[in-house]
PDB file of N, CA and C in Angstrom:
ATOM      1  N   MET A   1       0.871  -0.877   0.454  1.00  0.00           N
ATOM      2  CA  MET A   1       0.336   0.086  -0.006  1.00  0.00           C
ATOM      3  C   MET A   1       1.406   1.598   0.056  1.00  0.00           C
ATOM      4  N   SER A   2       0.889   2.381  -0.810  1.00  0.00           N
ATOM      5  CA  SER A   2       0.916   3.413  -1.010  1.00  0.00           C
ATOM      6  C   SER A   2       1.137   4.421   0.073  1.00  0.00           C
ATOM      7  N   SER A   3       1.628   5.490   0.384  1.00  0.00           N
ATOM      8  CA  SER A   3       1.571   6.122   1.892  1.00  0.00           C
ATOM      9  C   SER A   3       1.371   7.242   1.345  1.00  0.00           C
ATOM     10  N   ILE A   4       0.895   8.392   2.587  1.00  0.00           N
ATOM     11  CA  ILE A   4       0.528   9.765   2.063  1.00  0.00           C
ATOM     12  C   ILE A   4       1.135  10.590   1.688  1.00  0.00           C
ATOM     13  N   LYS A   5       0.975  11.187   0.694  1.00  0.00           N
ATOM     14  CA  LYS A   5       1.903  12.098  -0.067  1.00  0.00           C
ATOM     15  C   LYS A   5       1.334  13.957   0.435  1.00  0.00           C
ATOM     16  N   ILE A   6       2.191  14.547   0.557  1.00  0.00           N
ATOM     17  CA  ILE A   6       1.662  15.612   1.401  1.00  0.00           C
ATOM     18  C   ILE A   6       2.526  16.714   0.035  1.00  0.00           C
ATOM     19  N   GLU A   7       2.238  17.826  -0.375  1.00  0.00           N
ATOM     20  CA  GLU A   7       2.889  18.927  -1.469  1.00  0.00           C
ATOM     21  C   GLU A   7       2.855  19.948  -1.049  1.00  0.00           C
ATOM     22  N   LYS A   8       2.851  20.959  -1.064  1.00  0.00           N
ATOM     23  CA  LYS A   8       3.223  22.854  -1.114  1.00  0.00           C
ATOM     24  C   LYS A   8       3.044  22.722  -2.508  1.00  0.00           C
ATOM     25  N   PRO A   9       1.418  22.653  -3.212  1.00  0.00           N
ATOM     26  CA  PRO A   9       1.295  23.818  -4.562  1.00  0.00           C
ATOM     27  C   PRO A   9       1.309  25.032  -4.667  1.00  0.00           C
ATOM     28  N   THR A  10       1.142  24.949  -5.735  1.00  0.00           N
ATOM     29  CA  THR A  10       1.654  26.763  -6.535  1.00  0.00           C
ATOM     30  C   THR A  10       0.685  27.139  -7.090  1.00  0.00           C
ATOM     31  N   GLU A  11      -0.070  28.199  -7.036  1.00  0.00           N
ATOM     32  CA  GLU A  11      -1.798  28.778  -7.515  1.00  0.00           C
ATOM     33  C   GLU A  11      -1.766  28.360  -8.768  1.00  0.00           C
ATOM     34  N   GLU A  12      -0.801  28.211  -9.712  1.00  0.00           N
ATOM     35  CA  GLU A  12      -1.437  27.292 -11.119  1.00  0.00           C
ATOM     36  C   GLU A  12      -1.213  26.023 -11.295  1.00  0.00           C
ATOM     37  N   LYS A  13      -0.533  25.147 -10.331  1.00  0.00           N
ATOM     38  CA  LYS A  13      -1.747  23.880 -10.030  1.00  0.00           C
ATOM     39  C   LYS A  13      -3.000  23.398  -9.348  1.00  0.00           C
ATOM     40  N   LEU A  14      -2.714  24.481  -8.149  1.00  0.00           N
ATOM     41  CA  LEU A  14      -4.157  24.493  -8.016  1.00  0.00           C
ATOM     42  C   LEU A  14      -5.675  25.101  -8.466  1.00  0.00           C
ATOM     43  N   LYS A  15      -5.020  25.803  -9.471  1.00  0.00           N
ATOM     44  CA  LYS A  15      -6.353  26.238 -10.406  1.00  0.00           C
ATOM     45  C   LYS A  15      -6.280  25.333 -11.498  1.00  0.00           C
ATOM     46  N   SER A  16      -5.419  24.899 -11.979  1.00  0.00           N
ATOM     47  CA  SER A  16      -5.248  23.763 -13.067  1.00  0.00           C
ATOM     48  C   SER A  16      -6.095  22.142 -12.270  1.00  0.00           C
ATOM     49  N   LEU A  17      -5.988  22.173 -10.592  1.00  0.00           N
ATOM     50  CA  LEU A  17      -7.019  21.108 -10.670  1.00  0.00           C
ATOM     51  C   LEU A  17      -8.322  21.472  -9.812  1.00  0.00           C
ATOM     52  N   ASN A  18      -8.703  23.019 -10.264  1.00  0.00           N
ATOM     53  CA  ASN A  18     -10.102  23.267 -10.135  1.00  0.00           C
ATOM     54  C   ASN A  18     -10.865  22.872  -9.075  1.00  0.00           C
ATOM     55  N   ILE A  19      -9.896  23.277  -7.451  1.00  0.00           N
ATOM     56  CA  ILE A  19      -9.981  22.700  -6.026  1.00  0.00           C
ATOM     57  C   ILE A  19     -11.053  23.925  -6.077  1.00  0.00           C
ATOM     58  N   ASN A  20     -11.512  24.428  -6.513  1.00  0.00           N
ATOM     59  CA  ASN A  20     -12.637  25.567  -6.265  1.00  0.00           C
ATOM     60  C   ASN A  20     -14.171  24.754  -6.649  1.00  0.00           C
ATOM     61  N   SER A  21     -14.157  22.897  -6.989  1.00  0.00           N
ATOM     62  CA  SER A  21     -15.345  22.789  -7.808  1.00  0.00           C
ATOM     63  C   SER A  21     -15.434  21.355  -6.484  1.00  0.00           C
ATOM     64  N   TRP A  22     -14.212  21.684  -6.068  1.00  0.00           N
ATOM     65  CA  TRP A  22     -14.351  20.210  -4.628  1.00  0.00           C
ATOM     66  C   TRP A  22     -15.283  20.243  -3.953  1.00  0.00           C
ATOM     67  N   SER A  23     -15.656  19.476  -3.274  1.00  0.00           N
ATOM     68  CA  SER A  23     -17.216  18.874  -2.088  1.00  0.00           C
ATOM     69  C   SER A  23     -15.232  19.425  -1.189  1.00  0.00           C
ATOM     70  N   SER A  24     -16.503  20.187   0.049  1.00  0.00           N
ATOM     71  CA  SER A  24     -15.714  20.747   1.405  1.00  0.00           C
ATOM     72  C   SER A  24     -16.203  19.871   2.591  1.00  0.00           C
ATOM     73  N   TRP A  25     -15.322  19.814   3.724  1.00  0.00           N
ATOM     74  CA  TRP A  25     -15.325  19.569   4.703  1.00  0.00           C
ATOM     75  C   TRP A  25     -14.362  20.309   6.044  1.00  0.00           C
ATOM     76  N   GLY A  26     -15.016  19.941   6.801  1.00  0.00           N
ATOM     77  CA  GLY A  26     -14.710  20.264   8.159  1.00  0.00           C
ATOM     78  C   GLY A  26     -14.940  19.673   9.310  1.00  0.00           C
ATOM     79  N   CYS A  27     -14.024  19.994  10.709  1.00  0.00           N
ATOM     80  CA  CYS A  27     -13.913  19.180  12.004  1.00  0.00           C
ATOM     81  C   CYS A  27     -13.429  19.900  12.611  1.00  0.00           C
ATOM     82  N   GLU A  28     -13.903  20.173  13.818  1.00  0.00           N
ATOM     83  CA  GLU A  28     -13.772  20.564  14.832  1.00  0.00           C
ATOM     84  C   GLU A  28     -12.266  20.009  15.271  1.00  0.00           C
ATOM     85  N   VAL A  29     -11.650  20.238  16.732  1.00  0.00           N
ATOM     86  CA  VAL A  29     -11.066  19.409  17.371  1.00  0.00           C
ATOM     87  C   VAL A  29     -11.533  18.282  17.924  1.00  0.00           C
ATOM     88  N   SER A  30     -10.847  16.482  17.543  1.00  0.00           N
ATOM     89  CA  SER A  30     -10.872  15.902  17.839  1.00  0.00           C
ATOM     90  C   SER A  30     -10.059  14.585  17.687  1.00  0.00           C
ATOM     91  N   THR A  31     -10.278  13.128  18.072  1.00  0.00           N
ATOM     92  CA  THR A  31      -9.235  12.653  17.198  1.00  0.00           C
ATOM     93  C   THR A  31     -10.530  11.539  16.757  1.00  0.00           C
ATOM     94  N   PHE A  32     -10.216  10.561  16.013  1.00  0.00           N
ATOM     95  CA  PHE A  32     -10.881   9.652  15.326  1.00  0.00           C
ATOM     96  C   PHE A  32     -10.481   8.500  14.288  1.00  0.00           C
ATOM     97  N   ASP A  33     -10.772   7.066  13.964  1.00  0.00           N
ATOM     98  CA  ASP A  33     -10.495   6.434  13.294  1.00  0.00           C
ATOM     99  C   ASP A  33     -11.244   6.659  11.524  1.00  0.00           C
ATOM    100  N   TRP A  34     -10.493   6.502  11.198  1.00  0.00           N
ATOM    101  CA  TRP A  34     -10.666   6.821   9.501  1.00  0.00           C
ATOM    102  C   TRP A  34     -10.320   5.294   8.422  1.00  0.00           C
ATOM    103  N   GLU A  35     -11.199   5.235   7.496  1.00  0.00           N
ATOM    104  CA  GLU A  35     -10.534   4.193   6.547  1.00  0.00           C
ATOM    105  C   GLU A  35     -11.194   4.517   4.951  1.00  0.00           C
ATOM    106  N   TYR A  36     -10.219   5.198   4.050  1.00  0.00           N
ATOM    107  CA  TYR A  36     -10.283   5.618   2.848  1.00  0.00           C
ATOM    108  C   TYR A  36     -11.221   4.545   2.228  1.00  0.00           C
ATOM    109  N   SER A  37     -12.215   4.423   1.440  1.00  0.00           N
ATOM    110  CA  SER A  37     -12.925   3.693   0.753  1.00  0.00           C
ATOM    111  C   SER A  37     -11.813   3.574  -0.946  1.00  0.00           C
ATOM    112  N   SER A  38     -11.533   4.761  -1.262  1.00  0.00           N
ATOM    113  CA  SER A  38     -11.272   5.175  -2.749  1.00  0.00           C
ATOM    114  C   SER A  38      -9.708   5.966  -2.393  1.00  0.00           C
ATOM    115  N   ASP A  39      -9.584   6.724  -3.326  1.00  0.00           N
ATOM    116  CA  ASP A  39      -7.840   7.382  -3.533  1.00  0.00           C
ATOM    117  C   ASP A  39      -8.455   8.216  -3.080  1.00  0.00           C
ATOM    118  N   GLU A  40      -7.838   9.209  -2.628  1.00  0.00           N
ATOM    119  CA  GLU A  40      -8.625  10.480  -2.109  1.00  0.00           C
ATOM    120  C   GLU A  40      -7.575  12.317  -2.246  1.00  0.00           C
ATOM    121  N   GLN A  41      -7.849  13.331  -2.697  1.00  0.00           N
ATOM    122  CA  GLN A  41      -6.762  14.011  -2.933  1.00  0.00           C
ATOM    123  C   GLN A  41      -8.009  15.355  -1.981  1.00  0.00           C
ATOM    124  N   ALA A  42      -6.829  16.175  -1.079  1.00  0.00           N
ATOM    125  CA  ALA A  42      -7.744  17.178  -0.532  1.00  0.00           C
ATOM    126  C   ALA A  42      -6.390  18.293  -0.175  1.00  0.00           C
ATOM    127  N   TYR A  43      -7.321  19.475  -0.030  1.00  0.00           N
ATOM    128  CA  TYR A  43      -6.016  20.460  -0.008  1.00  0.00           C
ATOM    129  C   TYR A  43      -7.199  21.194   1.328  1.00  0.00           C
ATOM    130  N   ALA A  44      -6.241  21.609   2.097  1.00  0.00           N
ATOM    131  CA  ALA A  44      -5.824  21.696   3.629  1.00  0.00           C
ATOM    132  C   ALA A  44      -6.353  23.747   3.606  1.00  0.00           C
ATOM    133  N   LEU A  45      -7.297  24.358   3.542  1.00  0.00           N
ATOM    134  CA  LEU A  45      -7.488  25.671   3.621  1.00  0.00           C
ATOM    135  C   LEU A  45      -7.279  26.383   4.840  1.00  0.00           C
ATOM    136  N   GLU A  46      -7.361  26.022   5.966  1.00  0.00           N
ATOM    137  CA  GLU A  46      -7.180  26.085   7.154  1.00  0.00           C
ATOM    138  C   GLU A  46      -6.547  24.314   8.163  1.00  0.00           C
ATOM    139  N   GLY A  47      -6.153  24.698   9.336  1.00  0.00           N
ATOM    140  CA  GLY A  47      -6.025  24.492  10.687  1.00  0.00           C
ATOM    141  C   GLY A  47      -5.087  23.483  10.173  1.00  0.00           C
ATOM    142  N   LYS A  48      -5.324  22.027  11.681  1.00  0.00           N
ATOM    143  CA  LYS A  48      -3.787  21.228  12.100  1.00  0.00           C
ATOM    144  C   LYS A  48      -4.244  19.829  12.047  1.00  0.00           C
ATOM    145  N   VAL A  49      -3.543  18.676  11.618  1.00  0.00           N
ATOM    146  CA  VAL A  49      -3.904  17.756  11.524  1.00  0.00           C
ATOM    147  C   VAL A  49      -2.863  16.463  11.815  1.00  0.00           C
ATOM    148  N   LYS A  50      -2.714  15.813  12.739  1.00  0.00           N
ATOM    149  CA  LYS A  50      -1.791  14.758  12.076  1.00  0.00           C
ATOM    150  C   LYS A  50      -2.729  13.957  12.332  1.00  0.00           C
ATOM    151  N   VAL A  51      -2.468  12.845  10.940  1.00  0.00           N
ATOM    152  CA  VAL A  51      -2.701  11.402  10.819  1.00  0.00           C
ATOM    153  C   VAL A  51      -1.583  10.513  10.406  1.00  0.00           C
ATOM    154  N   LYS A  52      -2.152   9.447  11.520  1.00  0.00           N
ATOM    155  CA  LYS A  52      -1.385   7.769  12.039  1.00  0.00           C
ATOM    156  C   LYS A  52      -2.038   6.511  11.055  1.00  0.00           C
ATOM    157  N   PRO A  53      -1.026   6.503  10.280  1.00  0.00           N
ATOM    158  CA  PRO A  53      -2.307   5.508   9.633  1.00  0.00           C
ATOM    159  C   PRO A  53      -1.534   4.305  10.332  1.00  0.00           C
ATOM    160  N   VAL A  54      -2.594   3.195  10.143  1.00  0.00           N
ATOM    161  CA  VAL A  54      -2.315   1.874  11.276  1.00  0.00           C
ATOM    162  C   VAL A  54      -0.834   1.698  10.319  1.00  0.00           C
ATOM    163  N   ALA A  55      -0.450   1.105   9.050  1.00  0.00           N
ATOM    164  CA  ALA A  55       0.834   0.750   9.016  1.00  0.00           C
ATOM    165  C   ALA A  55       1.608   1.915   8.352  1.00  0.00           C
ATOM    166  N   GLY A  56       2.465   2.504   8.524  1.00  0.00           N
ATOM    167  CA  GLY A  56       3.567   3.418   8.076  1.00  0.00           C
ATOM    168  C   GLY A  56       3.345   5.329   9.678  1.00  0.00           C
ATOM    169  N   LYS A  57       4.277   6.059   8.457  1.00  0.00           N
ATOM    170  CA  LYS A  57       4.381   6.605   9.459  1.00  0.00           C
ATOM    171  C   LYS A  57       3.298   8.002   9.936  1.00  0.00           C
ATOM    172  N   GLU A  58       3.336   8.611  11.066  1.00  0.00           N
ATOM    173  CA  GLU A  58       2.342   9.760  10.909  1.00  0.00           C
ATOM    174  C   GLU A  58       2.686  11.524  10.576  1.00  0.00           C
ATOM    175  N   VAL A  59       1.924  11.935   9.698  1.00  0.00           N
ATOM    176  CA  VAL A  59       2.539  13.793   8.798  1.00  0.00           C
ATOM    177  C   VAL A  59       1.418  14.101   9.498  1.00  0.00           C
ATOM    178  N   GLU A  60       2.332  15.497   9.662  1.00  0.00           N
ATOM    179  CA  GLU A  60       0.701  16.438  10.027  1.00  0.00           C
ATOM    180  C   GLU A  60       0.236  17.500   8.079  1.00  0.00           C
ATOM    181  N   ILE A  61      -0.788  17.775   8.734  1.00  0.00           N
ATOM    182  CA  ILE A  61      -1.041  17.922   7.870  1.00  0.00           C
ATOM    183  C   ILE A  61      -1.798  19.677   8.571  1.00  0.00           C
ATOM    184  N   ASN A  62      -1.258  20.788   7.574  1.00  0.00           N
ATOM    185  CA  ASN A  62      -0.948  22.296   7.936  1.00  0.00           C
ATOM    186  C   ASN A  62      -1.882  22.757   6.677  1.00  0.00           C
ATOM    187  N   LYS A  63      -2.600  23.904   7.029  1.00  0.00           N
ATOM    188  CA  LYS A  63      -3.293  24.808   5.663  1.00  0.00           C
ATOM    189  C   LYS A  63      -2.202  25.121   4.653  1.00  0.00           C
ATOM    190  N   GLY A  64      -2.460  24.815   3.179  1.00  0.00           N
ATOM    191  CA  GLY A  64      -1.945  24.987   2.747  1.00  0.00           C
ATOM    192  C   GLY A  64      -1.450  23.834   1.384  1.00  0.00           C
ATOM    193  N   ASP A  65      -1.443  22.298   2.541  1.00  0.00           N
ATOM    194  CA  ASP A  65      -0.773  21.010   1.969  1.00  0.00           C
ATOM    195  C   ASP A  65      -1.735  20.664   0.765  1.00  0.00           C
ATOM    196  N   LEU A  66      -1.365  20.074  -0.401  1.00  0.00           N
ATOM    197  CA  LEU A  66      -2.316  19.331  -0.942  1.00  0.00           C
ATOM    198  C   LEU A  66      -2.021  18.245  -0.486  1.00  0.00           C
ATOM    199  N   VAL A  67      -3.070  17.114  -0.517  1.00  0.00           N
ATOM    200  CA  VAL A  67      -2.683  15.786   0.749  1.00  0.00           C
ATOM    201  C   VAL A  67      -3.469  14.707  -0.058  1.00  0.00           C
ATOM    202  N   THR A  68      -2.150  13.463  -0.730  1.00  0.00           N
ATOM    203  CA  THR A  68      -3.244  12.507  -1.345  1.00  0.00           C
ATOM    204  C   THR A  68      -3.175  10.736  -0.618  1.00  0.00           C
ATOM    205  N   PHE A  69      -4.090  11.056  -0.093  1.00  0.00           N
ATOM    206  CA  PHE A  69      -4.531   9.751   0.523  1.00  0.00           C
ATOM    207  C   PHE A  69      -4.792   7.937   0.236  1.00  0.00           C
ATOM    208  N   PRO A  70      -4.413   7.175  -0.110  1.00  0.00           N
ATOM    209  CA  PRO A  70      -4.314   5.577  -0.843  1.00  0.00           C
ATOM    210  C   PRO A  70      -5.807   5.155  -0.506  1.00  0.00           C
ATOM    211  N   GLN A  71      -6.001   4.570  -0.992  1.00  0.00           N
ATOM    212  CA  GLN A  71      -7.818   3.671  -1.183  1.00  0.00           C
ATOM    213  C   GLN A  71      -6.714   2.207  -0.190  1.00  0.00           C
ATOM    214  N   GLY A  72      -8.045   2.151   1.095  1.00  0.00           N
ATOM    215  CA  GLY A  72      -7.788   0.902   1.511  1.00  0.00           C
ATOM    216  C   GLY A  72      -6.888   1.907   3.015  1.00  0.00           C
ATOM    217  N   MET A  73      -6.389   3.117   3.175  1.00  0.00           N
ATOM    218  CA  MET A  73      -5.641   3.012   3.968  1.00  0.00           C
ATOM    219  C   MET A  73      -6.914   3.147   5.297  1.00  0.00           C
ATOM    220  N   GLN A  74      -6.052   2.514   6.510  1.00  0.00           N
ATOM    221  CA  GLN A  74      -6.632   2.968   8.208  1.00  0.00           C
ATOM    222  C   GLN A  74      -6.026   3.787   8.781  1.00  0.00           C
ATOM    223  N   CYS A  75      -6.591   4.831   9.252  1.00  0.00           N
ATOM    224  CA  CYS A  75      -5.929   5.821   9.764  1.00  0.00           C
ATOM    225  C   CYS A  75      -6.284   6.060  11.027  1.00  0.00           C
ATOM    226  N   THR A  76      -5.957   6.902  11.805  1.00  0.00           N
ATOM    227  CA  THR A  76      -6.262   7.807  13.239  1.00  0.00           C
ATOM    228  C   THR A  76      -6.207   9.037  12.620  1.00  0.00           C
ATOM    229  N   TRP A  77      -6.830  10.325  13.016  1.00  0.00           N
ATOM    230  CA  TRP A  77      -6.622  11.738  12.520  1.00  0.00           C
ATOM    231  C   TRP A  77      -7.294  12.497  13.886  1.00  0.00           C
ATOM    232  N   LYS A  78      -6.252  13.224  14.613  1.00  0.00           N
ATOM    233  CA  LYS A  78      -6.350  13.592  15.843  1.00  0.00           C
ATOM    234  C   LYS A  78      -5.773  15.310  15.169  1.00  0.00           C
ATOM    235  N   VAL A  79      -7.275  15.702  15.597  1.00  0.00           N
ATOM    236  CA  VAL A  79      -7.315  17.225  14.626  1.00  0.00           C
ATOM    237  C   VAL A  79      -6.920  17.965  15.790  1.00  0.00           C
ATOM    238  N   LEU A  80      -5.626  19.345  15.518  1.00  0.00           N
ATOM    239  CA  LEU A  80      -5.360  19.846  16.680  1.00  0.00           C
ATOM    240  C   LEU A  80      -6.068  21.227  16.508  1.00  0.00           C
ATOM    241  N   GLU A  81      -5.901  21.649  15.399  1.00  0.00           N
ATOM    242  CA  GLU A  81      -6.706  22.974  15.032  1.00  0.00           C
ATOM    243  C   GLU A  81      -7.585  22.770  14.068  1.00  0.00           C
ATOM    244  N   PRO A  82      -8.739  23.299  14.588  1.00  0.00           N
ATOM    245  CA  PRO A  82     -10.382  22.716  13.224  1.00  0.00           C
ATOM    246  C   PRO A  82      -9.542  23.149  12.052  1.00  0.00           C
ATOM    247  N   ILE A  83      -9.739  22.006  10.987  1.00  0.00           N
ATOM    248  CA  ILE A  83      -9.440  21.851  10.207  1.00  0.00           C
ATOM    249  C   ILE A  83     -10.780  22.146   8.721  1.00  0.00           C
ATOM    250  N   LYS A  84     -10.202  22.357   7.730  1.00  0.00           N
ATOM    251  CA  LYS A  84     -11.464  22.818   6.952  1.00  0.00           C
ATOM    252  C   LYS A  84     -10.467  22.515   5.709  1.00  0.00           C
ATOM    253  N   LYS A  85     -11.220  22.098   4.897  1.00  0.00           N
ATOM    254  CA  LYS A  85     -10.457  22.021   4.087  1.00  0.00           C
ATOM    255  C   LYS A  85     -11.543  21.007   2.381  1.00  0.00           C
ATOM    256  N   VAL A  86     -10.887  21.059   1.012  1.00  0.00           N
ATOM    257  CA  VAL A  86     -11.917  20.540   0.133  1.00  0.00           C
ATOM    258  C   VAL A  86     -11.041  19.548  -0.584  1.00  0.00           C
ATOM    259  N   TYR A  87     -11.826  17.894  -1.242  1.00  0.00           N
ATOM    260  CA  TYR A  87     -11.117  17.017  -1.319  1.00  0.00           C
ATOM    261  C   TYR A  87     -12.146  16.319  -2.239  1.00  0.00           C
ATOM    262  N   ARG A  88     -11.948  15.491  -3.391  1.00  0.00           N
ATOM    263  CA  ARG A  88     -11.849  14.899  -4.515  1.00  0.00           C
ATOM    264  C   ARG A  88     -11.179  13.804  -4.728  1.00  0.00           C
ATOM    265  N   PHE A  89     -12.386  12.899  -4.791  1.00  0.00           N
ATOM    266  CA  PHE A  89     -11.735  10.943  -4.955  1.00  0.00           C
ATOM    267  C   PHE A  89     -11.509  10.558  -6.390  1.00  0.00           C
ATOM    268  N   LEU A  90     -10.335  10.245  -6.795  1.00  0.00           N
ATOM    269  CA  LEU A  90      -9.637   9.874  -7.852  1.00  0.00           C
ATOM    270  C   LEU A  90     -10.014   8.355  -8.191  1.00  0.00           C
TER     271      LEU A  90
END
């Protein structure tokens, strides 16, 4: 299984991905388990989260990060600062 990929995209890349058309999601400070039923790409508009896959190393996601989560990954989300993101399934 592949791992979580994080990048700092340019404005041009965000425009080419058409993130304004993606679905939005937000969450207050909390901790919860999650499993990805398909590959997901997300862009963090604000907040801070630590995501710990069952198999793999913990990553920190911050405002401005473009993140790709692999299908089938099971993980624990620890929302440290309220998060707002947009996302799409690949």
